[in-house]
Structures are given as C-alpha cells and as structure tokens.
C-alpha cells in the first residue's frame, strides 16, 4: 500500500518505507521509482513507459517523505531548488548516549567508495546540520535535525564522529535490534509551477521510535 501524501499534474509526494530503495540498484529489492511508475501506469491507464523524475534520495534503511516529479520541467525546477538549498529537510534520529543540549555540527566530509569520513584538513565538502534535543531515555537521545547541506551519509557520519552514533547504524556505529534510527519526517519546498510553499509530514512508528511516540506526536 503506497502512502500518497500529495499528487497533482506536476508532483507526487509519498512516504518511503524503511527497506525500500529510492531507485533500482539492479537487484530484486523493491524501489520507489519502479513502484510509483507502476502506480501511475495503472491509475491513468498509460501505455508504454511512464515518466517520473527522481530529484532526491533516501538511503534504503531510512523512511520518510519523498517528492517525485511527474514532468521534466518540474524535475528541473525541483533540482534547481535543491541545489540552491531551497528545500528544507527535517529528520528525527535516536542517538547513542546523552546529548546535553541543542547544537550544530560543522565538518568537512570526504567520500571514500561507499563510506564518508570527516576530513579535518578541509579537503572534503562542507557539511552543516543543527539539532534540537526532544527527549532522553535509557541513555539514548531523540533529536530533531535540520539538514543544511546534503552530503553522502551526512547525519550518520557527523553524529558518529561526535560520539553519538545513530542506533542501528551498522556502518558508522554498531548493529542494533532494529534498523537505522533515522527518519525524514518533514519536507518543505516551493511548488515548481504555482510557487506555493508546501510542507509535508510523516511520523515514524516503528523500530526505536516506538519508545518516543508521545515525544513526537505534536511535531
């Protein structure tokens, strides 16, 4: 069942589930692009290939809000908005350890094959995020994260580097009882044709977030 948050002639905004790829990687793993193209093909009884533009991605084990473009014009304008940092992406994460107060991380990230690392020599790309502490339980901290730049694995790398790896992060932390505790819960952007300011939210309900339902219910 696809959770459609918004649809018009230009856009398709949906919730990506944890474990689903943003686009195909050549395996049989389900991916949003293929699923949504099939949805459009069936809904509008379209023959042949269906156009759907992927303008941003979420990692396989990250759920949350995604927007797709139904026209090439919309795709171009949305991509420009992302490059100009006009997209506002807000995440929820559960981190290991107690984080005392709200804060900001400013680091330089360098990508090495399938990983990203912090580069103190500033030879990497600038990575900026800010976070707000929402709750602390069982020596873990729930944070709301405003992502200022969109680097590869940025949130995971920066919190791990600053000694608060995300729970369930096998690559930058340690294996946990549930999948990665990171969720893209809010997306804000300008409609590519009407120029209307749009905002969409989805709250996580599974995994580590089960312990924080009351803490995020009013977001």
N, C-alpha and C. Protein backbone atom coordinates (compact mmCIF):
# COMPACT_ATOMS: atom_id res chain seq x y z
N UNK A 1 0.85 -1.19 0.00
CA UNK A 1 0.00 0.00 0.00
C UNK A 1 0.89 1.25 0.00
N UNK A 2 0.71 2.10 -1.00
CA UNK A 2 1.50 3.32 -1.10
C UNK A 2 0.81 4.44 -0.33
N UNK A 3 1.56 5.12 0.52
CA UNK A 3 1.02 6.26 1.26
C UNK A 3 1.28 7.52 0.44
N UNK A 4 0.25 7.94 -0.33
CA UNK A 4 0.36 9.14 -1.15
C UNK A 4 -0.01 10.35 -0.30
N UNK A 5 0.91 11.29 -0.15
CA UNK A 5 0.67 12.48 0.65
C UNK A 5 0.11 13.63 -0.18
N UNK A 6 0.47 13.65 -1.46
CA UNK A 6 0.02 14.73 -2.34
C UNK A 6 0.28 14.34 -3.78
N UNK A 7 -0.66 14.70 -4.66
CA UNK A 7 -0.46 14.45 -6.08
C UNK A 7 -1.20 15.50 -6.90
N UNK A 8 -0.52 16.04 -7.92
CA UNK A 8 -1.16 16.89 -8.92
C UNK A 8 -0.52 16.57 -10.27
N UNK A 9 -0.68 17.42 -11.24
CA UNK A 9 -0.15 17.15 -12.57
C UNK A 9 1.38 17.24 -12.65
N UNK A 10 1.99 17.81 -11.60
CA UNK A 10 3.43 18.07 -11.62
C UNK A 10 4.22 17.25 -10.60
N UNK A 11 3.59 16.95 -9.48
CA UNK A 11 4.29 16.34 -8.35
C UNK A 11 3.61 15.09 -7.83
N UNK A 12 4.43 14.28 -7.19
CA UNK A 12 3.94 13.13 -6.44
C UNK A 12 4.75 13.07 -5.15
N UNK A 13 4.08 13.28 -4.02
CA UNK A 13 4.75 13.27 -2.72
C UNK A 13 4.26 12.04 -1.96
N UNK A 14 5.21 11.23 -1.49
CA UNK A 14 4.86 9.94 -0.88
C UNK A 14 5.72 9.68 0.35
N UNK A 15 5.33 8.66 1.09
CA UNK A 15 6.16 8.15 2.19
C UNK A 15 6.95 6.95 1.69
N UNK A 16 8.27 7.01 1.82
CA UNK A 16 9.11 5.85 1.51
C UNK A 16 9.24 5.01 2.77
N UNK A 17 8.97 3.74 2.65
CA UNK A 17 9.09 2.84 3.78
C UNK A 17 10.54 2.40 3.99
N UNK A 18 10.87 2.05 5.22
CA UNK A 18 12.20 1.52 5.54
C UNK A 18 12.40 0.21 4.78
N UNK A 19 13.57 0.03 4.20
CA UNK A 19 13.88 -1.20 3.47
C UNK A 19 13.63 -1.12 1.98
N UNK A 20 13.03 -0.01 1.53
CA UNK A 20 12.77 0.20 0.10
C UNK A 20 13.80 1.16 -0.47
N UNK A 21 14.36 0.83 -1.61
CA UNK A 21 15.33 1.71 -2.27
C UNK A 21 14.64 2.92 -2.88
N UNK A 22 15.37 4.00 -3.07
CA UNK A 22 14.83 5.15 -3.79
C UNK A 22 14.72 4.84 -5.27
N UNK A 23 15.72 4.17 -5.82
CA UNK A 23 15.70 3.74 -7.21
C UNK A 23 16.39 2.38 -7.31
N UNK A 24 16.18 1.68 -8.38
CA UNK A 24 16.70 0.32 -8.53
C UNK A 24 18.23 0.28 -8.50
N UNK A 25 18.76 -0.75 -7.87
CA UNK A 25 20.20 -0.97 -7.87
C UNK A 25 20.57 -2.22 -8.68
N UNK A 26 19.60 -2.69 -9.47
CA UNK A 26 19.86 -3.85 -10.32
C UNK A 26 19.52 -5.18 -9.68
N UNK A 27 19.13 -5.15 -8.40
CA UNK A 27 18.72 -6.37 -7.71
C UNK A 27 17.19 -6.44 -7.71
N UNK A 28 16.66 -7.41 -6.99
CA UNK A 28 15.20 -7.56 -6.89
C UNK A 28 14.61 -6.79 -5.71
N UNK A 29 15.43 -5.95 -5.06
CA UNK A 29 14.94 -5.16 -3.93
C UNK A 29 13.92 -4.13 -4.41
N UNK A 30 12.76 -4.02 -3.76
CA UNK A 30 11.76 -3.03 -4.18
C UNK A 30 12.33 -1.62 -4.17
N UNK A 31 11.93 -0.79 -5.14
CA UNK A 31 12.39 0.59 -5.16
C UNK A 31 11.23 1.52 -5.50
N UNK A 32 11.29 2.74 -4.96
CA UNK A 32 10.19 3.70 -5.07
C UNK A 32 9.91 4.09 -6.52
N UNK A 33 10.95 4.30 -7.30
CA UNK A 33 10.76 4.76 -8.67
C UNK A 33 9.95 3.75 -9.48
N UNK A 34 10.31 2.48 -9.37
CA UNK A 34 9.59 1.43 -10.10
C UNK A 34 8.16 1.27 -9.58
N UNK A 35 8.01 1.29 -8.27
CA UNK A 35 6.68 1.14 -7.65
C UNK A 35 5.75 2.26 -8.08
N UNK A 36 6.25 3.49 -8.06
CA UNK A 36 5.42 4.64 -8.39
C UNK A 36 5.13 4.75 -9.88
N UNK A 37 6.06 4.34 -10.73
CA UNK A 37 5.79 4.32 -12.16
C UNK A 37 4.66 3.34 -12.47
N UNK A 38 4.68 2.21 -11.80
CA UNK A 38 3.62 1.23 -11.99
C UNK A 38 2.29 1.76 -11.47
N UNK A 39 2.33 2.47 -10.34
CA UNK A 39 1.12 3.10 -9.78
C UNK A 39 0.51 4.08 -10.78
N UNK A 40 1.33 4.93 -11.38
CA UNK A 40 0.85 5.91 -12.35
C UNK A 40 0.33 5.24 -13.62
N UNK A 41 1.04 4.20 -14.04
CA UNK A 41 0.65 3.48 -15.25
C UNK A 41 -0.75 2.87 -15.08
N UNK A 42 -0.99 2.29 -13.91
CA UNK A 42 -2.28 1.65 -13.65
C UNK A 42 -3.38 2.67 -13.39
N UNK A 43 -3.07 3.72 -12.62
CA UNK A 43 -4.08 4.71 -12.26
C UNK A 43 -4.60 5.46 -13.48
N UNK A 44 -3.69 5.82 -14.38
CA UNK A 44 -4.07 6.63 -15.54
C UNK A 44 -4.15 5.82 -16.83
N UNK A 45 -3.99 4.49 -16.69
CA UNK A 45 -4.09 3.58 -17.83
C UNK A 45 -3.17 4.03 -18.98
N UNK A 46 -1.91 4.27 -18.61
CA UNK A 46 -0.95 4.78 -19.59
C UNK A 46 -0.21 3.64 -20.29
N UNK A 47 -0.14 3.67 -21.60
CA UNK A 47 0.64 2.66 -22.32
C UNK A 47 2.13 3.02 -22.33
N UNK A 48 2.97 2.04 -22.49
CA UNK A 48 4.41 2.31 -22.61
C UNK A 48 5.04 2.79 -21.32
N UNK A 49 6.17 3.48 -21.46
CA UNK A 49 6.90 3.96 -20.29
C UNK A 49 6.24 5.19 -19.68
N UNK A 50 6.32 5.30 -18.37
CA UNK A 50 5.78 6.45 -17.64
C UNK A 50 6.95 7.30 -17.15
N UNK A 51 6.88 8.61 -17.36
CA UNK A 51 7.94 9.49 -16.86
C UNK A 51 7.73 9.77 -15.38
N UNK A 52 8.80 9.66 -14.62
CA UNK A 52 8.80 10.08 -13.22
C UNK A 52 10.23 10.43 -12.86
N UNK A 53 10.43 11.68 -12.44
CA UNK A 53 11.78 12.16 -12.15
C UNK A 53 12.16 12.00 -10.69
N UNK A 54 13.31 11.38 -10.45
CA UNK A 54 13.87 11.27 -9.11
C UNK A 54 14.74 12.48 -8.85
N UNK A 55 14.37 13.33 -7.90
CA UNK A 55 15.12 14.57 -7.67
C UNK A 55 15.94 14.53 -6.37
N UNK A 56 15.64 13.59 -5.48
CA UNK A 56 16.46 13.40 -4.28
C UNK A 56 16.29 11.97 -3.80
N UNK A 57 17.14 11.55 -2.90
CA UNK A 57 17.14 10.15 -2.46
C UNK A 57 17.12 10.05 -0.94
N UNK A 58 16.67 8.91 -0.47
CA UNK A 58 16.83 8.50 0.92
C UNK A 58 17.50 7.13 0.92
N UNK A 59 18.38 6.89 1.88
CA UNK A 59 19.03 5.59 1.99
C UNK A 59 17.99 4.49 2.17
N UNK A 60 18.35 3.29 1.80
CA UNK A 60 17.44 2.14 1.88
C UNK A 60 16.78 2.00 3.25
N UNK A 61 17.57 2.15 4.31
CA UNK A 61 17.05 1.93 5.66
C UNK A 61 16.54 3.20 6.32
N UNK A 62 16.32 4.25 5.52
CA UNK A 62 15.73 5.50 6.02
C UNK A 62 14.36 5.67 5.40
N UNK A 63 13.33 5.80 6.25
CA UNK A 63 12.00 6.06 5.75
C UNK A 63 11.71 7.55 5.80
N UNK A 64 10.57 7.95 5.20
CA UNK A 64 10.18 9.34 5.30
C UNK A 64 9.59 9.91 4.02
N UNK A 65 9.51 11.24 3.98
CA UNK A 65 8.84 11.95 2.88
C UNK A 65 9.78 12.10 1.68
N UNK A 66 9.25 11.77 0.49
CA UNK A 66 9.99 11.99 -0.75
C UNK A 66 9.06 12.66 -1.76
N UNK A 67 9.63 13.51 -2.63
CA UNK A 67 8.88 14.11 -3.71
C UNK A 67 9.47 13.67 -5.05
N UNK A 68 8.59 13.33 -5.98
CA UNK A 68 8.98 12.94 -7.33
C UNK A 68 8.32 13.90 -8.32
N UNK A 69 8.96 14.08 -9.46
CA UNK A 69 8.45 15.00 -10.49
C UNK A 69 7.74 14.20 -11.59
N UNK A 70 6.55 14.63 -11.95
CA UNK A 70 5.78 13.95 -12.98
C UNK A 70 6.06 14.51 -14.38
N UNK A 71 6.80 15.62 -14.45
CA UNK A 71 7.20 16.20 -15.74
C UNK A 71 8.67 16.57 -15.67
N UNK A 72 9.30 16.65 -16.84
CA UNK A 72 10.72 17.02 -16.88
C UNK A 72 10.91 18.47 -16.44
N UNK A 73 9.93 19.32 -16.72
CA UNK A 73 10.01 20.73 -16.30
C UNK A 73 10.00 20.83 -14.79
N UNK A 74 9.12 20.07 -14.15
CA UNK A 74 9.05 20.06 -12.69
C UNK A 74 10.34 19.50 -12.10
N UNK A 75 10.88 18.46 -12.72
CA UNK A 75 12.13 17.85 -12.24
C UNK A 75 13.27 18.86 -12.27
N UNK A 76 13.34 19.62 -13.36
CA UNK A 76 14.41 20.61 -13.50
C UNK A 76 14.30 21.68 -12.42
N UNK A 77 13.09 22.18 -12.19
CA UNK A 77 12.91 23.24 -11.21
C UNK A 77 13.11 22.74 -9.78
N UNK A 78 12.67 21.53 -9.49
CA UNK A 78 12.90 20.97 -8.16
C UNK A 78 14.38 20.75 -7.91
N UNK A 79 15.09 20.26 -8.92
CA UNK A 79 16.53 20.04 -8.79
C UNK A 79 17.28 21.35 -8.55
N UNK A 80 16.83 22.40 -9.24
CA UNK A 80 17.42 23.72 -9.02
C UNK A 80 17.17 24.19 -7.59
N UNK A 81 15.97 23.92 -7.07
CA UNK A 81 15.65 24.29 -5.69
C UNK A 81 16.54 23.58 -4.68
N UNK A 82 16.85 22.33 -4.96
CA UNK A 82 17.73 21.57 -4.08
C UNK A 82 19.14 22.13 -4.13
N UNK A 83 19.64 22.42 -5.33
CA UNK A 83 20.99 22.98 -5.47
C UNK A 83 21.09 24.34 -4.79
N UNK A 84 20.01 25.10 -4.82
CA UNK A 84 20.02 26.43 -4.21
C UNK A 84 19.64 26.40 -2.72
N UNK A 85 19.56 25.20 -2.17
CA UNK A 85 19.24 24.99 -0.75
C UNK A 85 17.88 25.58 -0.38
N UNK A 86 16.94 25.48 -1.31
CA UNK A 86 15.59 25.97 -1.04
C UNK A 86 14.69 24.87 -0.50
N UNK A 87 15.18 23.65 -0.51
CA UNK A 87 14.48 22.53 0.11
C UNK A 87 14.86 22.49 1.59
N UNK A 88 13.90 22.32 2.46
CA UNK A 88 14.20 22.16 3.88
C UNK A 88 13.82 20.75 4.31
N UNK A 89 14.82 20.00 4.71
CA UNK A 89 14.61 18.61 5.13
C UNK A 89 14.83 18.49 6.63
N UNK A 90 13.87 17.94 7.32
CA UNK A 90 13.96 17.78 8.77
C UNK A 90 13.83 16.30 9.12
N UNK A 91 14.78 15.83 9.93
CA UNK A 91 14.85 14.42 10.28
C UNK A 91 14.64 14.21 11.77
N UNK A 92 14.27 12.98 12.13
CA UNK A 92 14.27 12.53 13.51
C UNK A 92 15.28 11.39 13.62
N UNK A 93 16.04 11.37 14.71
CA UNK A 93 17.03 10.32 14.91
C UNK A 93 17.14 10.00 16.40
N UNK A 94 17.46 8.75 16.69
CA UNK A 94 17.75 8.34 18.06
C UNK A 94 19.23 8.01 18.12
N UNK A 95 19.94 8.74 18.99
CA UNK A 95 21.39 8.64 19.08
C UNK A 95 21.82 7.95 20.37
N UNK A 96 22.95 7.31 20.31
CA UNK A 96 23.52 6.65 21.49
C UNK A 96 24.12 7.69 22.43
N UNK A 97 23.82 7.55 23.72
CA UNK A 97 24.37 8.46 24.71
C UNK A 97 23.47 9.65 24.97
N UNK A 98 23.81 10.40 25.99
CA UNK A 98 23.05 11.59 26.36
C UNK A 98 23.65 12.84 25.73
N UNK A 99 22.85 13.53 24.94
CA UNK A 99 23.24 14.83 24.38
C UNK A 99 22.64 15.90 25.28
N UNK A 100 23.49 16.73 25.86
CA UNK A 100 23.06 17.66 26.91
C UNK A 100 22.16 18.79 26.40
N UNK A 101 22.43 19.32 25.21
CA UNK A 101 21.70 20.50 24.76
C UNK A 101 21.65 20.56 23.24
N UNK A 102 20.84 21.47 22.72
CA UNK A 102 20.75 21.68 21.28
C UNK A 102 22.11 22.14 20.75
N UNK A 103 22.34 21.92 19.45
CA UNK A 103 23.63 22.33 18.92
C UNK A 103 23.71 22.28 17.42
N UNK A 104 24.93 22.41 16.90
CA UNK A 104 25.19 22.42 15.47
C UNK A 104 26.50 21.70 15.21
N UNK A 105 26.55 20.97 14.11
CA UNK A 105 27.78 20.33 13.66
C UNK A 105 28.20 20.95 12.34
N UNK A 106 29.46 21.33 12.27
CA UNK A 106 30.05 21.86 11.04
C UNK A 106 31.35 21.11 10.80
N UNK A 107 31.36 20.27 9.78
CA UNK A 107 32.52 19.44 9.48
C UNK A 107 32.76 19.41 7.97
N UNK A 108 33.89 18.81 7.59
CA UNK A 108 34.17 18.59 6.18
C UNK A 108 34.16 17.09 5.92
N UNK A 109 33.31 16.68 4.96
CA UNK A 109 33.14 15.26 4.66
C UNK A 109 33.82 14.90 3.35
N UNK A 110 34.48 13.76 3.38
CA UNK A 110 35.13 13.23 2.17
C UNK A 110 34.59 11.84 1.92
N UNK A 111 34.16 11.59 0.69
CA UNK A 111 33.60 10.28 0.36
C UNK A 111 34.69 9.34 -0.13
N UNK A 112 34.74 8.15 0.46
CA UNK A 112 35.69 7.12 0.05
C UNK A 112 34.89 5.87 -0.27
N UNK A 113 34.73 5.58 -1.54
CA UNK A 113 33.92 4.47 -2.04
C UNK A 113 32.51 4.56 -1.45
N UNK A 114 32.12 3.58 -0.62
CA UNK A 114 30.74 3.55 -0.10
C UNK A 114 30.61 4.18 1.28
N UNK A 115 31.64 4.85 1.72
CA UNK A 115 31.61 5.48 3.04
C UNK A 115 31.94 6.97 2.92
N UNK A 116 31.58 7.71 3.95
CA UNK A 116 32.03 9.10 4.06
C UNK A 116 32.79 9.23 5.38
N UNK A 117 33.80 10.07 5.39
CA UNK A 117 34.61 10.28 6.60
C UNK A 117 34.79 11.77 6.82
N UNK A 118 35.06 12.15 8.07
CA UNK A 118 35.34 13.53 8.40
C UNK A 118 36.78 13.85 8.02
N UNK A 119 36.97 14.95 7.30
CA UNK A 119 38.30 15.36 6.89
C UNK A 119 38.65 16.67 7.59
N UNK A 120 39.56 16.61 8.53
CA UNK A 120 39.94 17.81 9.29
C UNK A 120 40.78 18.79 8.47
N UNK A 121 41.28 18.33 7.34
CA UNK A 121 42.13 19.19 6.52
C UNK A 121 41.33 20.08 5.57
N UNK A 122 40.00 20.01 5.68
CA UNK A 122 39.08 20.80 4.84
C UNK A 122 39.20 20.44 3.36
N UNK A 123 39.71 19.25 3.07
CA UNK A 123 39.79 18.83 1.67
C UNK A 123 38.47 18.22 1.20
N UNK A 124 37.55 18.00 2.14
CA UNK A 124 36.24 17.47 1.78
C UNK A 124 35.24 18.58 1.54
N UNK A 125 33.95 18.22 1.51
CA UNK A 125 32.88 19.19 1.30
C UNK A 125 32.27 19.61 2.62
N UNK A 126 31.95 20.88 2.74
CA UNK A 126 31.37 21.41 3.98
C UNK A 126 30.03 20.73 4.27
N UNK A 127 29.86 20.29 5.51
CA UNK A 127 28.63 19.64 5.94
C UNK A 127 28.12 20.35 7.20
N UNK A 128 26.89 20.85 7.12
CA UNK A 128 26.31 21.60 8.24
C UNK A 128 24.94 21.04 8.59
N UNK A 129 24.71 20.83 9.87
CA UNK A 129 23.39 20.48 10.37
C UNK A 129 23.23 21.07 11.76
N UNK A 130 21.98 21.29 12.14
CA UNK A 130 21.67 21.71 13.51
C UNK A 130 20.68 20.73 14.09
N UNK A 131 20.65 20.62 15.41
CA UNK A 131 19.76 19.64 16.04
C UNK A 131 19.16 20.19 17.32
N UNK A 132 17.99 19.67 17.62
CA UNK A 132 17.26 20.04 18.84
C UNK A 132 16.95 18.76 19.62
N UNK A 133 17.29 18.76 20.89
CA UNK A 133 17.03 17.60 21.74
C UNK A 133 15.54 17.56 22.10
N UNK A 134 14.89 16.42 21.82
CA UNK A 134 13.46 16.27 22.10
C UNK A 134 13.19 15.42 23.34
N UNK A 135 14.05 14.41 23.57
CA UNK A 135 13.83 13.51 24.70
C UNK A 135 15.08 12.69 24.97
N UNK A 136 15.20 12.23 26.23
CA UNK A 136 16.30 11.35 26.61
C UNK A 136 15.73 10.16 27.37
N UNK A 137 16.08 8.95 26.92
CA UNK A 137 15.59 7.74 27.58
C UNK A 137 16.64 6.64 27.47
N UNK A 138 16.83 5.91 28.57
CA UNK A 138 17.70 4.74 28.58
C UNK A 138 19.08 5.02 27.99
N UNK A 139 19.64 6.18 28.34
CA UNK A 139 20.97 6.60 27.88
C UNK A 139 21.01 6.82 26.37
N UNK A 140 19.86 7.10 25.77
CA UNK A 140 19.78 7.46 24.36
C UNK A 140 19.09 8.82 24.24
N UNK A 141 19.27 9.49 23.10
CA UNK A 141 18.70 10.82 22.91
C UNK A 141 17.97 10.91 21.57
N UNK A 142 16.73 11.38 21.64
CA UNK A 142 15.94 11.65 20.43
C UNK A 142 16.19 13.09 20.02
N UNK A 143 16.58 13.29 18.75
CA UNK A 143 16.85 14.64 18.26
C UNK A 143 16.07 14.92 16.98
N UNK A 144 15.77 16.19 16.78
CA UNK A 144 15.21 16.68 15.52
C UNK A 144 16.33 17.40 14.79
N UNK A 145 16.56 17.05 13.54
CA UNK A 145 17.72 17.54 12.81
C UNK A 145 17.30 18.36 11.59
N UNK A 146 17.84 19.55 11.48
CA UNK A 146 17.67 20.37 10.29
C UNK A 146 18.93 20.23 9.44
N UNK A 147 18.77 19.66 8.27
CA UNK A 147 19.90 19.40 7.39
C UNK A 147 20.13 20.59 6.48
N UNK A 148 21.26 21.25 6.66
CA UNK A 148 21.58 22.44 5.87
C UNK A 148 22.25 22.09 4.55
N UNK A 149 23.04 21.00 4.54
CA UNK A 149 23.69 20.52 3.33
C UNK A 149 23.35 19.04 3.17
N UNK A 150 23.42 18.54 1.96
CA UNK A 150 23.01 17.15 1.72
C UNK A 150 24.15 16.26 1.29
N UNK A 151 25.09 16.02 2.18
CA UNK A 151 26.24 15.18 1.84
C UNK A 151 25.91 13.69 2.03
N UNK A 152 26.72 12.86 1.40
CA UNK A 152 26.54 11.41 1.48
C UNK A 152 26.65 10.92 2.93
N UNK A 153 25.56 10.31 3.43
CA UNK A 153 25.52 9.78 4.80
C UNK A 153 25.83 10.84 5.86
N UNK A 154 25.53 12.09 5.56
CA UNK A 154 25.97 13.20 6.41
C UNK A 154 25.56 13.06 7.87
N UNK A 155 24.28 12.86 8.12
CA UNK A 155 23.80 12.79 9.51
C UNK A 155 24.48 11.65 10.25
N UNK A 156 24.54 10.51 9.62
CA UNK A 156 25.13 9.33 10.26
C UNK A 156 26.61 9.55 10.58
N UNK A 157 27.34 10.11 9.64
CA UNK A 157 28.78 10.33 9.82
C UNK A 157 29.04 11.38 10.91
N UNK A 158 28.31 12.48 10.86
CA UNK A 158 28.59 13.56 11.81
C UNK A 158 28.25 13.17 13.25
N UNK A 159 27.12 12.53 13.47
CA UNK A 159 26.78 12.13 14.83
C UNK A 159 27.73 11.05 15.34
N UNK A 160 28.16 10.16 14.46
CA UNK A 160 29.13 9.14 14.87
C UNK A 160 30.47 9.78 15.24
N UNK A 161 30.91 10.72 14.43
CA UNK A 161 32.17 11.41 14.68
C UNK A 161 32.15 12.16 16.01
N UNK A 162 31.00 12.70 16.35
CA UNK A 162 30.86 13.46 17.60
C UNK A 162 30.38 12.59 18.76
N UNK A 163 30.65 11.29 18.64
CA UNK A 163 30.47 10.31 19.72
C UNK A 163 29.00 10.02 20.06
N UNK A 164 28.11 10.22 19.12
CA UNK A 164 26.71 9.87 19.33
C UNK A 164 26.15 9.18 18.09
N UNK A 165 26.68 7.99 17.76
CA UNK A 165 26.20 7.30 16.55
C UNK A 165 24.71 6.98 16.65
N UNK A 166 24.06 6.94 15.50
CA UNK A 166 22.65 6.60 15.48
C UNK A 166 22.46 5.12 15.83
N UNK A 167 21.41 4.83 16.57
CA UNK A 167 21.13 3.44 16.91
C UNK A 167 20.82 2.64 15.65
N UNK A 168 21.32 1.42 15.61
CA UNK A 168 21.09 0.55 14.47
C UNK A 168 21.93 0.86 13.24
N UNK A 169 22.94 1.72 13.38
CA UNK A 169 23.78 2.08 12.24
C UNK A 169 24.98 1.14 12.16
N UNK A 170 24.86 0.09 11.34
CA UNK A 170 25.91 -0.91 11.25
C UNK A 170 27.19 -0.37 10.60
N UNK A 171 27.05 0.64 9.75
CA UNK A 171 28.20 1.16 9.01
C UNK A 171 29.04 2.14 9.85
N UNK A 172 28.37 3.01 10.61
CA UNK A 172 29.09 4.06 11.35
C UNK A 172 28.96 3.92 12.87
N UNK A 173 28.24 2.91 13.31
CA UNK A 173 28.07 2.67 14.74
C UNK A 173 28.17 1.19 15.03
N UNK A 174 27.06 0.61 15.44
CA UNK A 174 27.03 -0.83 15.70
C UNK A 174 25.64 -1.38 15.41
N UNK A 175 25.58 -2.68 15.16
CA UNK A 175 24.32 -3.34 14.85
C UNK A 175 23.37 -3.27 16.03
N UNK A 176 22.10 -3.04 15.77
CA UNK A 176 21.12 -2.92 16.84
C UNK A 176 19.96 -3.88 16.67
N UNK A 177 19.00 -3.76 17.54
CA UNK A 177 17.83 -4.64 17.50
C UNK A 177 16.88 -4.28 16.35
N UNK A 178 16.95 -3.04 15.90
CA UNK A 178 16.08 -2.55 14.83
C UNK A 178 16.92 -1.88 13.74
N UNK A 179 16.29 -1.57 12.60
CA UNK A 179 17.01 -0.83 11.55
C UNK A 179 17.40 0.57 12.01
N UNK A 180 18.19 1.21 11.21
CA UNK A 180 18.72 2.54 11.48
C UNK A 180 17.65 3.50 12.01
N UNK A 181 17.97 4.18 13.13
CA UNK A 181 17.02 5.09 13.79
C UNK A 181 17.11 6.49 13.19
N UNK A 182 16.73 6.59 11.90
CA UNK A 182 16.75 7.87 11.19
C UNK A 182 15.53 7.93 10.29
N UNK A 183 14.81 9.05 10.34
CA UNK A 183 13.56 9.17 9.58
C UNK A 183 13.41 10.59 9.07
N UNK A 184 13.14 10.72 7.77
CA UNK A 184 12.96 12.04 7.15
C UNK A 184 11.50 12.44 7.31
N UNK A 185 11.16 13.06 8.43
CA UNK A 185 9.76 13.22 8.78
C UNK A 185 9.10 14.46 8.16
N UNK A 186 9.88 15.46 7.73
CA UNK A 186 9.26 16.67 7.16
C UNK A 186 10.06 17.17 5.97
N UNK A 187 9.30 17.61 4.94
CA UNK A 187 9.91 18.17 3.74
C UNK A 187 9.16 19.44 3.36
N UNK A 188 9.91 20.54 3.18
CA UNK A 188 9.32 21.83 2.80
C UNK A 188 10.00 22.32 1.52
N UNK A 189 9.19 22.76 0.55
CA UNK A 189 9.75 23.27 -0.70
C UNK A 189 8.69 24.09 -1.42
N UNK A 190 9.12 24.76 -2.48
CA UNK A 190 8.22 25.58 -3.29
C UNK A 190 7.74 24.80 -4.50
N UNK A 191 6.44 24.84 -4.74
CA UNK A 191 5.88 24.14 -5.90
C UNK A 191 6.53 24.69 -7.18
N UNK A 192 6.95 23.81 -8.08
CA UNK A 192 7.71 24.25 -9.26
C UNK A 192 6.92 25.12 -10.24
N UNK A 193 5.60 25.08 -10.21
CA UNK A 193 4.82 25.90 -11.15
C UNK A 193 3.95 26.95 -10.47
N UNK A 194 3.28 26.57 -9.39
CA UNK A 194 2.39 27.53 -8.71
C UNK A 194 3.15 28.45 -7.76
N UNK A 195 4.39 28.04 -7.39
CA UNK A 195 5.25 28.78 -6.45
C UNK A 195 4.68 28.79 -5.02
N UNK A 196 3.71 27.93 -4.77
CA UNK A 196 3.13 27.81 -3.43
C UNK A 196 4.13 27.12 -2.50
N UNK A 197 4.18 27.57 -1.24
CA UNK A 197 5.02 26.93 -0.24
C UNK A 197 4.32 25.66 0.26
N UNK A 198 4.99 24.53 0.12
CA UNK A 198 4.40 23.25 0.51
C UNK A 198 5.15 22.64 1.68
N UNK A 199 4.42 21.96 2.53
CA UNK A 199 5.02 21.27 3.68
C UNK A 199 4.31 19.94 3.89
N UNK A 200 5.10 18.88 4.06
CA UNK A 200 4.55 17.54 4.27
C UNK A 200 5.25 16.86 5.44
N UNK A 201 4.46 16.12 6.22
CA UNK A 201 4.99 15.43 7.40
C UNK A 201 4.50 14.00 7.45
N UNK A 202 5.36 13.13 7.94
CA UNK A 202 5.01 11.76 8.29
C UNK A 202 5.80 11.40 9.54
N UNK A 203 5.15 10.84 10.54
CA UNK A 203 5.84 10.48 11.78
C UNK A 203 6.18 8.99 11.79
N UNK A 204 7.38 8.65 12.25
CA UNK A 204 7.78 7.24 12.33
C UNK A 204 7.05 6.52 13.45
N UNK A 205 6.77 5.24 13.24
CA UNK A 205 6.04 4.47 14.24
C UNK A 205 6.75 3.17 14.64
N UNK A 206 7.77 2.80 13.89
CA UNK A 206 8.40 1.51 14.10
C UNK A 206 9.80 1.62 14.69
N UNK A 207 10.38 0.46 15.00
CA UNK A 207 11.75 0.38 15.47
C UNK A 207 12.00 1.16 16.76
N UNK A 208 13.11 1.85 16.81
CA UNK A 208 13.49 2.60 18.01
C UNK A 208 12.52 3.73 18.31
N UNK A 209 11.80 4.19 17.32
CA UNK A 209 10.88 5.32 17.52
C UNK A 209 9.64 4.93 18.32
N UNK A 210 9.40 3.64 18.50
CA UNK A 210 8.25 3.20 19.29
C UNK A 210 8.31 3.74 20.72
N UNK A 211 9.51 3.92 21.23
CA UNK A 211 9.67 4.41 22.60
C UNK A 211 9.43 5.91 22.73
N UNK A 212 9.23 6.59 21.60
CA UNK A 212 9.15 8.06 21.63
C UNK A 212 7.86 8.59 21.00
N UNK A 213 6.82 7.77 20.95
CA UNK A 213 5.59 8.17 20.28
C UNK A 213 5.00 9.45 20.88
N UNK A 214 4.99 9.53 22.19
CA UNK A 214 4.44 10.73 22.86
C UNK A 214 5.31 11.95 22.60
N UNK A 215 6.61 11.75 22.50
CA UNK A 215 7.54 12.86 22.32
C UNK A 215 7.44 13.49 20.94
N UNK A 216 7.00 12.70 19.95
CA UNK A 216 6.93 13.23 18.59
C UNK A 216 5.50 13.45 18.10
N UNK A 217 4.53 13.15 18.93
CA UNK A 217 3.13 13.21 18.50
C UNK A 217 2.68 14.62 18.13
N UNK A 218 3.32 15.65 18.71
CA UNK A 218 2.89 17.04 18.46
C UNK A 218 3.78 17.78 17.47
N UNK A 219 4.68 17.08 16.82
CA UNK A 219 5.57 17.72 15.86
C UNK A 219 4.81 18.16 14.61
